């Protein structure tokens, strides 16, 4: 029997960082679904794909090869782990993720990768669409200002200089877009446990989720 933990929440709520730590603590397979959409977004920029042209998008999906190994992300064999985290990719990833054809392909891939494994996945629709029967569903939230601070620090650690005001504006825009998109909008599953991380450090969030994991396992 597999054990599935679904972690959803808005941009910058700490989903990836927290999920990686929980995965390591409980020896779960970690699947960064957001990175999968970022890889498609990166490829669309690289190949000059018009995201409003569904035929071009479908052609991209048919030819691109995405892979994840040892915490790194590959597009057509090239390590793009840093490239998919740039502001340019961040600016369009919500639009990419809202395209039905992209979601159908990647959701199918997420389910295949997770089959028969103990996994933790993070994203926007893991508990509401990808795995509605997940053993544990978490919905992480934090204030836009706190999420912007984290994102600016994350960019800085990657050598990218971004202004707080610009990042905050982008986060608010993404929240609005992700919550109101037609395909798999960002929302809390009815049976998800909401955790507000605004005033919690990483260890405190991991501790709170750990209690839930041990309770469910």
N, C-alpha and C. Protein backbone atom coordinates (compact mmCIF):
# COMPACT_ATOMS: atom_id res chain seq x y z
N UNK A 1 0.84 -1.20 0.00
CA UNK A 1 0.00 0.00 0.00
C UNK A 1 0.88 1.26 0.00
N UNK A 2 0.52 2.20 -0.84
CA UNK A 2 1.27 3.45 -0.88
C UNK A 2 0.69 4.43 0.13
N UNK A 3 1.51 5.40 0.51
CA UNK A 3 1.10 6.45 1.44
C UNK A 3 1.32 7.78 0.74
N UNK A 4 0.27 8.57 0.60
CA UNK A 4 0.35 9.80 -0.19
C UNK A 4 0.05 11.03 0.67
N UNK A 5 0.97 11.98 0.64
CA UNK A 5 0.79 13.26 1.33
C UNK A 5 0.70 14.35 0.26
N UNK A 6 -0.40 15.09 0.28
CA UNK A 6 -0.61 16.17 -0.69
C UNK A 6 -0.44 17.51 0.02
N UNK A 7 0.45 18.35 -0.52
CA UNK A 7 0.70 19.67 0.07
C UNK A 7 0.37 20.74 -0.97
N UNK A 8 -0.66 21.50 -0.71
CA UNK A 8 -1.07 22.56 -1.63
C UNK A 8 -0.92 23.92 -0.96
N UNK A 9 -0.96 24.96 -1.79
CA UNK A 9 -0.88 26.31 -1.25
C UNK A 9 -0.40 27.28 -2.30
N UNK A 10 -0.52 28.58 -2.02
CA UNK A 10 -0.12 29.61 -2.98
C UNK A 10 1.39 29.74 -3.12
N UNK A 11 1.81 30.53 -4.09
CA UNK A 11 3.23 30.76 -4.35
C UNK A 11 3.93 31.32 -3.12
N UNK A 12 5.09 30.75 -2.79
CA UNK A 12 5.89 31.27 -1.70
C UNK A 12 5.45 30.86 -0.31
N UNK A 13 4.53 29.91 -0.22
CA UNK A 13 4.05 29.49 1.11
C UNK A 13 4.97 28.48 1.78
N UNK A 14 6.02 28.07 1.07
CA UNK A 14 7.00 27.15 1.66
C UNK A 14 6.78 25.70 1.32
N UNK A 15 5.93 25.44 0.34
CA UNK A 15 5.56 24.05 0.00
C UNK A 15 6.76 23.17 -0.32
N UNK A 16 7.61 23.65 -1.22
CA UNK A 16 8.73 22.82 -1.68
C UNK A 16 9.74 22.57 -0.58
N UNK A 17 10.14 23.63 0.11
CA UNK A 17 11.12 23.50 1.19
C UNK A 17 10.64 22.54 2.27
N UNK A 18 9.40 22.73 2.69
CA UNK A 18 8.84 21.89 3.76
C UNK A 18 8.67 20.45 3.29
N UNK A 19 8.17 20.28 2.07
CA UNK A 19 7.93 18.92 1.56
C UNK A 19 9.23 18.13 1.44
N UNK A 20 10.30 18.79 1.02
CA UNK A 20 11.60 18.12 0.91
C UNK A 20 12.06 17.62 2.28
N UNK A 21 11.87 18.45 3.30
CA UNK A 21 12.32 18.07 4.65
C UNK A 21 11.49 16.94 5.21
N UNK A 22 10.18 16.98 4.99
CA UNK A 22 9.31 15.90 5.45
C UNK A 22 9.63 14.61 4.71
N UNK A 23 9.90 14.73 3.42
CA UNK A 23 10.25 13.55 2.61
C UNK A 23 11.51 12.88 3.16
N UNK A 24 12.50 13.69 3.48
CA UNK A 24 13.76 13.15 4.00
C UNK A 24 13.55 12.50 5.37
N UNK A 25 12.75 13.13 6.21
CA UNK A 25 12.51 12.63 7.57
C UNK A 25 11.80 11.28 7.56
N UNK A 26 10.86 11.10 6.63
CA UNK A 26 10.07 9.87 6.61
C UNK A 26 10.36 8.98 5.41
N UNK A 27 11.44 9.29 4.71
CA UNK A 27 11.88 8.49 3.55
C UNK A 27 10.76 8.35 2.51
N UNK A 28 10.13 9.47 2.22
CA UNK A 28 9.10 9.52 1.19
C UNK A 28 9.72 9.99 -0.12
N UNK A 29 9.16 9.58 -1.22
CA UNK A 29 9.58 10.11 -2.52
C UNK A 29 8.97 11.51 -2.67
N UNK A 30 9.81 12.49 -2.95
CA UNK A 30 9.31 13.86 -3.09
C UNK A 30 9.13 14.20 -4.57
N UNK A 31 7.96 14.70 -4.90
CA UNK A 31 7.68 15.09 -6.29
C UNK A 31 7.28 16.56 -6.32
N UNK A 32 8.15 17.37 -6.88
CA UNK A 32 7.92 18.82 -7.00
C UNK A 32 7.12 19.07 -8.28
N UNK A 33 5.80 19.08 -8.16
CA UNK A 33 4.98 19.23 -9.36
C UNK A 33 5.09 20.63 -9.95
N UNK A 34 5.34 21.62 -9.09
CA UNK A 34 5.51 22.98 -9.59
C UNK A 34 6.69 23.08 -10.54
N UNK A 35 7.75 22.33 -10.23
CA UNK A 35 8.94 22.34 -11.09
C UNK A 35 8.62 21.76 -12.47
N UNK A 36 7.67 20.82 -12.52
CA UNK A 36 7.29 20.24 -13.80
C UNK A 36 6.67 21.30 -14.71
N UNK A 37 5.80 22.13 -14.11
CA UNK A 37 5.20 23.21 -14.89
C UNK A 37 6.24 24.26 -15.26
N UNK A 38 7.21 24.46 -14.38
CA UNK A 38 8.28 25.41 -14.67
C UNK A 38 9.14 24.91 -15.83
N UNK A 39 9.33 23.62 -15.91
CA UNK A 39 10.12 23.08 -17.02
C UNK A 39 9.43 23.30 -18.36
N UNK A 40 8.11 23.17 -18.36
CA UNK A 40 7.36 23.45 -19.58
C UNK A 40 7.42 24.94 -19.90
N UNK A 41 7.31 25.78 -18.87
CA UNK A 41 7.39 27.23 -19.07
C UNK A 41 8.77 27.62 -19.62
N UNK A 42 9.82 27.04 -19.04
CA UNK A 42 11.18 27.31 -19.51
C UNK A 42 11.34 26.93 -20.98
N UNK A 43 10.81 25.75 -21.33
CA UNK A 43 10.93 25.27 -22.71
C UNK A 43 10.16 26.16 -23.68
N UNK A 44 9.02 26.67 -23.23
CA UNK A 44 8.24 27.55 -24.11
C UNK A 44 9.00 28.84 -24.40
N UNK A 45 9.73 29.34 -23.40
CA UNK A 45 10.56 30.53 -23.60
C UNK A 45 11.73 30.19 -24.52
N UNK A 46 12.39 29.08 -24.24
CA UNK A 46 13.54 28.66 -25.03
C UNK A 46 13.19 28.49 -26.50
N UNK A 47 12.01 27.91 -26.75
CA UNK A 47 11.61 27.59 -28.12
C UNK A 47 10.73 28.65 -28.77
N UNK A 48 10.46 29.73 -28.02
CA UNK A 48 9.63 30.80 -28.58
C UNK A 48 8.21 30.38 -28.87
N UNK A 49 7.64 29.55 -28.00
CA UNK A 49 6.28 29.05 -28.19
C UNK A 49 5.25 30.10 -27.78
N UNK A 50 4.25 30.30 -28.62
CA UNK A 50 3.15 31.20 -28.32
C UNK A 50 2.14 30.45 -27.45
N UNK A 51 2.04 30.85 -26.18
CA UNK A 51 1.18 30.13 -25.24
C UNK A 51 -0.30 30.29 -25.55
N UNK A 52 -0.63 31.24 -26.40
CA UNK A 52 -2.03 31.42 -26.81
C UNK A 52 -2.38 30.55 -28.01
N UNK A 53 -1.36 29.89 -28.56
CA UNK A 53 -1.56 28.99 -29.70
C UNK A 53 -1.49 27.55 -29.19
N UNK A 54 -2.66 26.95 -28.98
CA UNK A 54 -2.71 25.60 -28.39
C UNK A 54 -1.99 24.57 -29.25
N UNK A 55 -2.02 24.73 -30.55
CA UNK A 55 -1.33 23.78 -31.43
C UNK A 55 0.18 23.80 -31.16
N UNK A 56 0.74 25.00 -30.95
CA UNK A 56 2.16 25.11 -30.64
C UNK A 56 2.47 24.47 -29.28
N UNK A 57 1.58 24.69 -28.33
CA UNK A 57 1.76 24.13 -26.99
C UNK A 57 1.73 22.60 -27.03
N UNK A 58 0.77 22.06 -27.77
CA UNK A 58 0.65 20.60 -27.89
C UNK A 58 1.88 20.01 -28.57
N UNK A 59 2.37 20.68 -29.59
CA UNK A 59 3.59 20.22 -30.27
C UNK A 59 4.77 20.20 -29.31
N UNK A 60 4.84 21.21 -28.45
CA UNK A 60 5.91 21.26 -27.45
C UNK A 60 5.80 20.07 -26.50
N UNK A 61 4.58 19.81 -26.03
CA UNK A 61 4.36 18.70 -25.10
C UNK A 61 4.71 17.36 -25.72
N UNK A 62 4.50 17.22 -27.01
CA UNK A 62 4.78 15.96 -27.71
C UNK A 62 6.28 15.71 -27.87
N UNK A 63 7.06 16.80 -27.95
CA UNK A 63 8.49 16.60 -28.25
C UNK A 63 9.41 16.75 -27.05
N UNK A 64 8.98 17.48 -26.01
CA UNK A 64 9.88 17.75 -24.89
C UNK A 64 10.00 16.54 -23.97
N UNK A 65 11.19 16.37 -23.40
CA UNK A 65 11.43 15.31 -22.43
C UNK A 65 11.85 15.94 -21.11
N UNK A 66 11.04 15.76 -20.07
CA UNK A 66 11.38 16.30 -18.76
C UNK A 66 11.66 15.16 -17.80
N UNK A 67 12.62 15.40 -16.91
CA UNK A 67 13.03 14.34 -15.99
C UNK A 67 13.50 14.98 -14.68
N UNK A 68 13.43 14.21 -13.60
CA UNK A 68 13.88 14.65 -12.29
C UNK A 68 14.72 13.56 -11.67
N UNK A 69 15.95 13.92 -11.29
CA UNK A 69 16.85 12.94 -10.68
C UNK A 69 17.66 13.61 -9.57
N UNK A 70 17.65 13.00 -8.39
CA UNK A 70 18.46 13.46 -7.27
C UNK A 70 18.29 14.95 -6.99
N UNK A 71 17.04 15.40 -7.04
CA UNK A 71 16.75 16.79 -6.73
C UNK A 71 17.07 17.78 -7.82
N UNK A 72 17.45 17.30 -9.00
CA UNK A 72 17.74 18.18 -10.12
C UNK A 72 16.72 17.96 -11.23
N UNK A 73 16.59 18.98 -12.08
CA UNK A 73 15.55 18.96 -13.11
C UNK A 73 16.17 19.08 -14.50
N UNK A 74 15.70 18.21 -15.39
CA UNK A 74 16.29 18.12 -16.72
C UNK A 74 15.25 18.31 -17.82
N UNK A 75 15.61 19.11 -18.81
CA UNK A 75 14.81 19.27 -20.01
C UNK A 75 15.65 18.83 -21.20
N UNK A 76 15.18 17.81 -21.89
CA UNK A 76 15.90 17.25 -23.04
C UNK A 76 17.35 16.93 -22.69
N UNK A 77 17.55 16.42 -21.47
CA UNK A 77 18.87 15.99 -21.03
C UNK A 77 19.73 17.05 -20.39
N UNK A 78 19.30 18.31 -20.44
CA UNK A 78 20.09 19.41 -19.87
C UNK A 78 19.58 19.77 -18.47
N UNK A 79 20.49 19.97 -17.53
CA UNK A 79 20.15 20.37 -16.18
C UNK A 79 19.69 21.83 -16.19
N UNK A 80 18.41 22.05 -15.88
CA UNK A 80 17.85 23.41 -15.90
C UNK A 80 17.36 23.82 -14.51
N UNK A 81 17.96 23.22 -13.48
CA UNK A 81 17.51 23.46 -12.11
C UNK A 81 17.52 24.93 -11.73
N UNK A 82 18.51 25.67 -12.19
CA UNK A 82 18.58 27.10 -11.90
C UNK A 82 17.70 27.91 -12.85
N UNK A 83 17.72 27.54 -14.11
CA UNK A 83 16.97 28.29 -15.13
C UNK A 83 15.47 28.32 -14.86
N UNK A 84 14.92 27.25 -14.29
CA UNK A 84 13.46 27.22 -14.09
C UNK A 84 13.01 28.06 -12.91
N UNK A 85 13.97 28.61 -12.15
CA UNK A 85 13.63 29.43 -10.97
C UNK A 85 13.81 30.92 -11.24
N UNK A 86 14.07 31.30 -12.47
CA UNK A 86 14.29 32.72 -12.77
C UNK A 86 12.97 33.50 -12.78
N UNK A 87 13.04 34.81 -12.60
CA UNK A 87 11.82 35.64 -12.64
C UNK A 87 11.07 35.51 -13.96
N UNK A 88 11.81 35.31 -15.06
CA UNK A 88 11.17 35.18 -16.38
C UNK A 88 10.25 33.97 -16.43
N UNK A 89 10.71 32.86 -15.87
CA UNK A 89 9.89 31.65 -15.83
C UNK A 89 8.75 31.83 -14.84
N UNK A 90 9.06 32.40 -13.68
CA UNK A 90 8.04 32.64 -12.66
C UNK A 90 6.88 33.47 -13.20
N UNK A 91 7.21 34.44 -14.06
CA UNK A 91 6.20 35.36 -14.58
C UNK A 91 5.16 34.67 -15.46
N UNK A 92 5.51 33.52 -16.08
CA UNK A 92 4.57 32.87 -17.00
C UNK A 92 4.11 31.49 -16.55
N UNK A 93 4.66 30.98 -15.45
CA UNK A 93 4.34 29.60 -15.08
C UNK A 93 2.86 29.42 -14.75
N UNK A 94 2.21 30.44 -14.18
CA UNK A 94 0.78 30.32 -13.88
C UNK A 94 -0.02 30.18 -15.16
N UNK A 95 0.37 30.93 -16.19
CA UNK A 95 -0.33 30.86 -17.47
C UNK A 95 -0.15 29.48 -18.10
N UNK A 96 1.06 28.95 -18.01
CA UNK A 96 1.34 27.60 -18.53
C UNK A 96 0.50 26.56 -17.79
N UNK A 97 0.45 26.68 -16.46
CA UNK A 97 -0.27 25.71 -15.64
C UNK A 97 -1.78 25.77 -15.83
N UNK A 98 -2.26 26.87 -16.41
CA UNK A 98 -3.71 27.02 -16.63
C UNK A 98 -4.17 26.40 -17.94
N UNK A 99 -3.21 25.95 -18.76
CA UNK A 99 -3.56 25.36 -20.05
C UNK A 99 -3.97 23.90 -19.86
N UNK A 100 -5.16 23.58 -20.27
CA UNK A 100 -5.72 22.25 -20.02
C UNK A 100 -4.82 21.13 -20.52
N UNK A 101 -4.32 21.28 -21.74
CA UNK A 101 -3.49 20.22 -22.35
C UNK A 101 -2.22 19.97 -21.53
N UNK A 102 -1.66 21.03 -20.96
CA UNK A 102 -0.47 20.89 -20.12
C UNK A 102 -0.82 20.14 -18.85
N UNK A 103 -1.93 20.51 -18.21
CA UNK A 103 -2.32 19.87 -16.96
C UNK A 103 -2.63 18.39 -17.15
N UNK A 104 -3.33 18.06 -18.23
CA UNK A 104 -3.68 16.66 -18.49
C UNK A 104 -2.43 15.81 -18.59
N UNK A 105 -1.43 16.30 -19.33
CA UNK A 105 -0.20 15.54 -19.53
C UNK A 105 0.59 15.40 -18.23
N UNK A 106 0.72 16.49 -17.49
CA UNK A 106 1.54 16.46 -16.29
C UNK A 106 0.87 15.76 -15.12
N UNK A 107 -0.44 15.88 -15.00
CA UNK A 107 -1.16 15.16 -13.95
C UNK A 107 -1.04 13.66 -14.17
N UNK A 108 -1.15 13.24 -15.41
CA UNK A 108 -0.99 11.83 -15.75
C UNK A 108 0.42 11.35 -15.38
N UNK A 109 1.42 12.19 -15.67
CA UNK A 109 2.80 11.85 -15.36
C UNK A 109 3.02 11.78 -13.85
N UNK A 110 2.41 12.71 -13.12
CA UNK A 110 2.53 12.72 -11.65
C UNK A 110 1.96 11.44 -11.04
N UNK A 111 0.84 11.01 -11.57
CA UNK A 111 0.22 9.79 -11.05
C UNK A 111 1.05 8.56 -11.37
N UNK A 112 1.63 8.51 -12.56
CA UNK A 112 2.46 7.37 -12.95
C UNK A 112 3.71 7.28 -12.10
N UNK A 113 4.36 8.44 -11.86
CA UNK A 113 5.58 8.47 -11.06
C UNK A 113 5.29 8.02 -9.63
N UNK A 114 4.12 8.37 -9.11
CA UNK A 114 3.77 8.11 -7.71
C UNK A 114 3.24 6.70 -7.46
N UNK A 115 2.90 6.00 -8.52
CA UNK A 115 2.24 4.70 -8.40
C UNK A 115 3.04 3.71 -7.55
N UNK A 116 2.39 3.19 -6.51
CA UNK A 116 3.00 2.17 -5.66
C UNK A 116 4.06 2.67 -4.71
N UNK A 117 4.19 4.01 -4.57
CA UNK A 117 5.25 4.57 -3.72
C UNK A 117 4.66 5.33 -2.54
N UNK A 118 5.49 5.55 -1.53
CA UNK A 118 5.14 6.47 -0.45
C UNK A 118 5.66 7.83 -0.89
N UNK A 119 4.76 8.75 -1.16
CA UNK A 119 5.16 10.01 -1.77
C UNK A 119 4.59 11.23 -1.05
N UNK A 120 5.28 12.35 -1.24
CA UNK A 120 4.76 13.65 -0.83
C UNK A 120 4.87 14.55 -2.06
N UNK A 121 3.76 15.14 -2.44
CA UNK A 121 3.72 16.00 -3.62
C UNK A 121 3.25 17.38 -3.20
N UNK A 122 3.82 18.42 -3.81
CA UNK A 122 3.32 19.76 -3.53
C UNK A 122 2.93 20.46 -4.82
N UNK A 123 1.91 21.32 -4.71
CA UNK A 123 1.44 22.03 -5.88
C UNK A 123 0.25 22.90 -5.55
N UNK A 124 -0.66 23.02 -6.52
CA UNK A 124 -1.85 23.84 -6.34
C UNK A 124 -3.12 22.98 -6.26
N UNK A 125 -3.06 21.79 -6.88
CA UNK A 125 -4.27 20.97 -7.00
C UNK A 125 -4.03 19.51 -6.66
N UNK A 126 -3.04 19.24 -5.83
CA UNK A 126 -2.71 17.84 -5.51
C UNK A 126 -3.87 17.19 -4.76
N UNK A 127 -4.37 17.85 -3.73
CA UNK A 127 -5.45 17.28 -2.93
C UNK A 127 -6.82 17.38 -3.55
N UNK A 128 -6.98 18.31 -4.51
CA UNK A 128 -8.31 18.52 -5.11
C UNK A 128 -8.48 17.83 -6.45
N UNK A 129 -7.36 17.52 -7.13
CA UNK A 129 -7.46 16.93 -8.47
C UNK A 129 -6.55 15.70 -8.64
N UNK A 130 -5.26 15.87 -8.38
CA UNK A 130 -4.29 14.81 -8.69
C UNK A 130 -4.52 13.58 -7.82
N UNK A 131 -4.60 13.80 -6.50
CA UNK A 131 -4.84 12.69 -5.57
C UNK A 131 -5.94 13.08 -4.58
N UNK A 132 -7.18 12.95 -5.02
CA UNK A 132 -8.31 13.30 -4.14
C UNK A 132 -8.43 12.31 -2.98
N UNK A 133 -7.77 11.15 -3.11
CA UNK A 133 -7.81 10.13 -2.06
C UNK A 133 -6.52 10.09 -1.25
N UNK A 134 -5.75 11.18 -1.27
CA UNK A 134 -4.50 11.22 -0.52
C UNK A 134 -4.74 10.91 0.95
N UNK A 135 -3.78 10.24 1.58
CA UNK A 135 -3.92 9.87 2.99
C UNK A 135 -3.89 11.10 3.90
N UNK A 136 -3.14 12.11 3.49
CA UNK A 136 -3.05 13.35 4.27
C UNK A 136 -2.99 14.53 3.31
N UNK A 137 -3.81 15.53 3.56
CA UNK A 137 -3.82 16.74 2.73
C UNK A 137 -3.50 17.95 3.61
N UNK A 138 -2.51 18.70 3.16
CA UNK A 138 -2.09 19.91 3.87
C UNK A 138 -2.31 21.11 2.96
N UNK A 139 -2.79 22.21 3.52
CA UNK A 139 -2.92 23.45 2.76
C UNK A 139 -2.12 24.52 3.49
N UNK A 140 -0.95 24.87 2.94
CA UNK A 140 -0.08 25.86 3.56
C UNK A 140 -0.44 27.27 3.08
N UNK A 141 -0.54 28.20 4.01
CA UNK A 141 -0.80 29.59 3.65
C UNK A 141 0.16 30.49 4.42
N UNK A 142 0.30 31.72 3.94
CA UNK A 142 1.09 32.75 4.61
C UNK A 142 0.69 34.07 3.97
N UNK A 143 0.92 35.15 4.68
CA UNK A 143 0.55 36.46 4.14
C UNK A 143 1.37 36.76 2.88
N UNK A 144 0.82 37.53 1.95
CA UNK A 144 1.57 37.89 0.73
C UNK A 144 2.91 38.55 1.06
N UNK A 145 2.93 39.40 2.09
CA UNK A 145 4.16 40.09 2.47
C UNK A 145 5.24 39.12 2.94
N UNK A 146 4.84 38.16 3.74
CA UNK A 146 5.80 37.17 4.24
C UNK A 146 6.30 36.29 3.09
N UNK A 147 5.42 35.93 2.21
CA UNK A 147 5.82 35.11 1.05
C UNK A 147 6.76 35.88 0.14
N UNK A 148 6.53 37.18 -0.01
CA UNK A 148 7.40 38.01 -0.84
C UNK A 148 8.80 38.10 -0.22
N UNK A 149 8.86 38.25 1.11
CA UNK A 149 10.16 38.30 1.79
C UNK A 149 10.95 37.01 1.53
N UNK A 150 10.26 35.89 1.64
CA UNK A 150 10.92 34.59 1.42
C UNK A 150 11.41 34.46 -0.01
N UNK A 151 10.59 34.91 -0.95
CA UNK A 151 10.94 34.78 -2.36
C UNK A 151 12.13 35.67 -2.71
N UNK A 152 12.18 36.90 -2.15
CA UNK A 152 13.31 37.80 -2.39
C UNK A 152 14.60 37.17 -1.86
N UNK A 153 14.52 36.58 -0.66
CA UNK A 153 15.69 35.92 -0.07
C UNK A 153 16.13 34.73 -0.91
N UNK A 154 15.15 33.99 -1.40
CA UNK A 154 15.44 32.84 -2.25
C UNK A 154 16.16 33.28 -3.53
N UNK A 155 15.66 34.36 -4.14
CA UNK A 155 16.31 34.90 -5.34
C UNK A 155 17.74 35.35 -5.02
N UNK A 156 17.89 36.02 -3.88
CA UNK A 156 19.21 36.53 -3.47
C UNK A 156 20.20 35.39 -3.32
N UNK A 157 19.75 34.29 -2.72
CA UNK A 157 20.62 33.12 -2.55
C UNK A 157 21.02 32.49 -3.87
N UNK A 158 20.25 32.78 -4.91
CA UNK A 158 20.57 32.27 -6.25
C UNK A 158 21.31 33.31 -7.09
N UNK A 159 21.64 34.44 -6.45
CA UNK A 159 22.36 35.48 -7.16
C UNK A 159 21.50 36.37 -8.02
N UNK A 160 20.19 36.36 -7.75
CA UNK A 160 19.24 37.18 -8.52
C UNK A 160 18.75 38.33 -7.65
N UNK A 161 18.90 39.56 -8.14
CA UNK A 161 18.49 40.74 -7.38
C UNK A 161 17.11 41.20 -7.81
N UNK A 162 16.12 41.01 -6.93
CA UNK A 162 14.74 41.41 -7.22
C UNK A 162 14.23 42.33 -6.11
N UNK A 163 13.47 43.35 -6.47
CA UNK A 163 12.92 44.27 -5.49
C UNK A 163 11.71 43.66 -4.79
N UNK A 164 11.59 43.93 -3.48
CA UNK A 164 10.49 43.39 -2.69
C UNK A 164 9.14 43.78 -3.29
N UNK A 165 9.00 45.05 -3.67
CA UNK A 165 7.72 45.53 -4.20
C UNK A 165 7.32 44.78 -5.47
N UNK A 166 8.30 44.50 -6.32
CA UNK A 166 8.02 43.78 -7.57
C UNK A 166 7.59 42.35 -7.29
N UNK A 167 8.29 41.71 -6.35
CA UNK A 167 7.98 40.32 -6.01
C UNK A 167 6.60 40.24 -5.35
N UNK A 168 6.30 41.18 -4.47
CA UNK A 168 5.00 41.21 -3.80
C UNK A 168 3.88 41.38 -4.82
N UNK A 169 4.07 42.28 -5.76
CA UNK A 169 3.08 42.51 -6.81
C UNK A 169 2.85 41.24 -7.64
N UNK A 170 3.94 40.53 -7.95
CA UNK A 170 3.84 39.31 -8.74
C UNK A 170 3.12 38.22 -7.95
N UNK A 171 3.38 38.11 -6.66
CA UNK A 171 2.72 37.10 -5.82
C UNK A 171 1.22 37.36 -5.73
N UNK A 172 0.84 38.62 -5.55
CA UNK A 172 -0.58 38.98 -5.48
C UNK A 172 -1.26 38.67 -6.82
N UNK A 173 -0.55 38.96 -7.93
CA UNK A 173 -1.10 38.68 -9.25
C UNK A 173 -1.28 37.18 -9.45
N UNK A 174 -0.29 36.40 -9.02
CA UNK A 174 -0.38 34.95 -9.18
C UNK A 174 -1.49 34.35 -8.32
N UNK A 175 -1.65 34.88 -7.11
CA UNK A 175 -2.73 34.41 -6.23
C UNK A 175 -4.08 34.57 -6.93
N UNK A 176 -4.28 35.75 -7.50
CA UNK A 176 -5.54 36.06 -8.17
C UNK A 176 -5.74 35.14 -9.37
N UNK A 177 -4.69 34.99 -10.15
CA UNK A 177 -4.78 34.16 -11.36
C UNK A 177 -5.01 32.69 -11.01
N UNK A 178 -4.20 32.17 -10.09
CA UNK A 178 -4.28 30.74 -9.74
C UNK A 178 -5.62 30.38 -9.10
N UNK A 179 -6.18 31.30 -8.33
CA UNK A 179 -7.43 31.03 -7.63
C UNK A 179 -8.65 31.11 -8.54
N UNK A 180 -8.50 31.82 -9.65
CA UNK A 180 -9.65 32.04 -10.54
C UNK A 180 -9.54 31.38 -11.90
N UNK A 181 -8.47 30.61 -12.12
CA UNK A 181 -8.33 29.96 -13.42
C UNK A 181 -9.38 28.87 -13.59
N UNK A 182 -9.70 28.57 -14.83
CA UNK A 182 -10.74 27.59 -15.14
C UNK A 182 -10.28 26.17 -14.82
N UNK A 183 -9.03 25.86 -15.18
CA UNK A 183 -8.50 24.51 -14.99
C UNK A 183 -7.85 24.36 -13.62
N UNK A 184 -8.41 23.50 -12.79
CA UNK A 184 -7.84 23.15 -11.49
C UNK A 184 -7.40 24.36 -10.67
N UNK A 185 -8.31 25.23 -10.31
CA UNK A 185 -7.93 26.43 -9.55
C UNK A 185 -7.35 26.08 -8.18
N UNK A 186 -6.54 27.00 -7.66
CA UNK A 186 -5.99 26.84 -6.33
C UNK A 186 -7.11 26.97 -5.30
N UNK A 187 -7.31 25.92 -4.53
CA UNK A 187 -8.28 26.00 -3.45
C UNK A 187 -7.99 24.89 -2.44
N UNK A 188 -8.47 25.10 -1.23
CA UNK A 188 -8.24 24.13 -0.17
C UNK A 188 -9.23 22.98 -0.29
N UNK A 189 -8.73 21.76 -0.26
CA UNK A 189 -9.61 20.59 -0.26
C UNK A 189 -10.40 20.59 1.04
N UNK A 190 -11.62 20.10 0.98
CA UNK A 190 -12.50 20.11 2.16
C UNK A 190 -11.89 19.36 3.34
N UNK A 191 -11.13 18.31 3.04
CA UNK A 191 -10.56 17.50 4.12
C UNK A 191 -9.08 17.82 4.37
N UNK A 192 -8.61 18.97 3.89
CA UNK A 192 -7.22 19.36 4.12
C UNK A 192 -7.06 20.08 5.45
N UNK A 193 -5.88 19.94 6.03
CA UNK A 193 -5.53 20.66 7.26
C UNK A 193 -4.78 21.93 6.87
N UNK A 194 -5.33 23.08 7.24
CA UNK A 194 -4.69 24.35 6.90
C UNK A 194 -3.67 24.74 7.96
N UNK A 195 -2.48 25.14 7.49
CA UNK A 195 -1.42 25.59 8.39
C UNK A 195 -0.94 26.95 7.91
N UNK A 196 -1.10 27.97 8.75
CA UNK A 196 -0.63 29.31 8.41
C UNK A 196 0.82 29.44 8.89
N UNK A 197 1.75 29.58 7.94
CA UNK A 197 3.18 29.59 8.26
C UNK A 197 3.74 31.00 8.44
N UNK A 198 2.87 32.02 8.42
CA UNK A 198 3.32 33.41 8.47
C UNK A 198 4.27 33.68 9.64
N UNK A 199 3.95 33.10 10.80
CA UNK A 199 4.74 33.37 12.00
C UNK A 199 5.40 32.10 12.54
N UNK A 200 5.66 31.17 11.64
CA UNK A 200 6.32 29.92 12.02
C UNK A 200 7.64 29.79 11.28
N UNK A 201 8.64 29.22 11.95
CA UNK A 201 9.88 28.93 11.24
C UNK A 201 9.77 27.54 10.59
N UNK A 202 10.74 27.20 9.79
CA UNK A 202 10.69 25.95 9.03
C UNK A 202 10.54 24.73 9.95
N UNK A 203 11.32 24.69 11.02
CA UNK A 203 11.28 23.54 11.92
C UNK A 203 9.90 23.38 12.57
N UNK A 204 9.25 24.50 12.88
CA UNK A 204 7.93 24.45 13.48
C UNK A 204 6.89 23.89 12.50
N UNK A 205 7.01 24.28 11.23
CA UNK A 205 6.08 23.77 10.22
C UNK A 205 6.31 22.28 10.00
N UNK A 206 7.57 21.90 9.90
CA UNK A 206 7.90 20.47 9.72
C UNK A 206 7.37 19.67 10.91
N UNK A 207 7.51 20.22 12.10
CA UNK A 207 7.02 19.54 13.30
C UNK A 207 5.51 19.35 13.28
N UNK A 208 4.80 20.38 12.84
CA UNK A 208 3.34 20.30 12.78
C UNK A 208 2.89 19.25 11.76
N UNK A 209 3.55 19.22 10.62
CA UNK A 209 3.19 18.23 9.59
C UNK A 209 3.60 16.83 10.03
N UNK A 210 4.74 16.74 10.71
CA UNK A 210 5.21 15.43 11.18
C UNK A 210 4.20 14.77 12.11
N UNK A 211 3.60 15.57 12.98
CA UNK A 211 2.58 15.03 13.89
C UNK A 211 1.41 14.45 13.09
N UNK A 212 1.04 15.14 12.02
CA UNK A 212 -0.08 14.68 11.19
C UNK A 212 0.28 13.41 10.42
N UNK A 213 1.52 13.36 9.92
CA UNK A 213 2.00 12.17 9.20
C UNK A 213 1.97 10.95 10.12
N UNK A 214 2.49 11.12 11.31
CA UNK A 214 2.55 9.98 12.26
C UNK A 214 1.15 9.56 12.70
N UNK A 215 0.26 10.50 12.76
CA UNK A 215 -1.12 10.20 13.14
C UNK A 215 -1.82 9.38 12.04
N UNK A 216 -1.52 9.71 10.78
CA UNK A 216 -2.18 9.05 9.66
C UNK A 216 -1.55 7.73 9.26
N UNK A 217 -0.25 7.59 9.51
CA UNK A 217 0.47 6.40 9.06
C UNK A 217 0.16 5.17 9.91
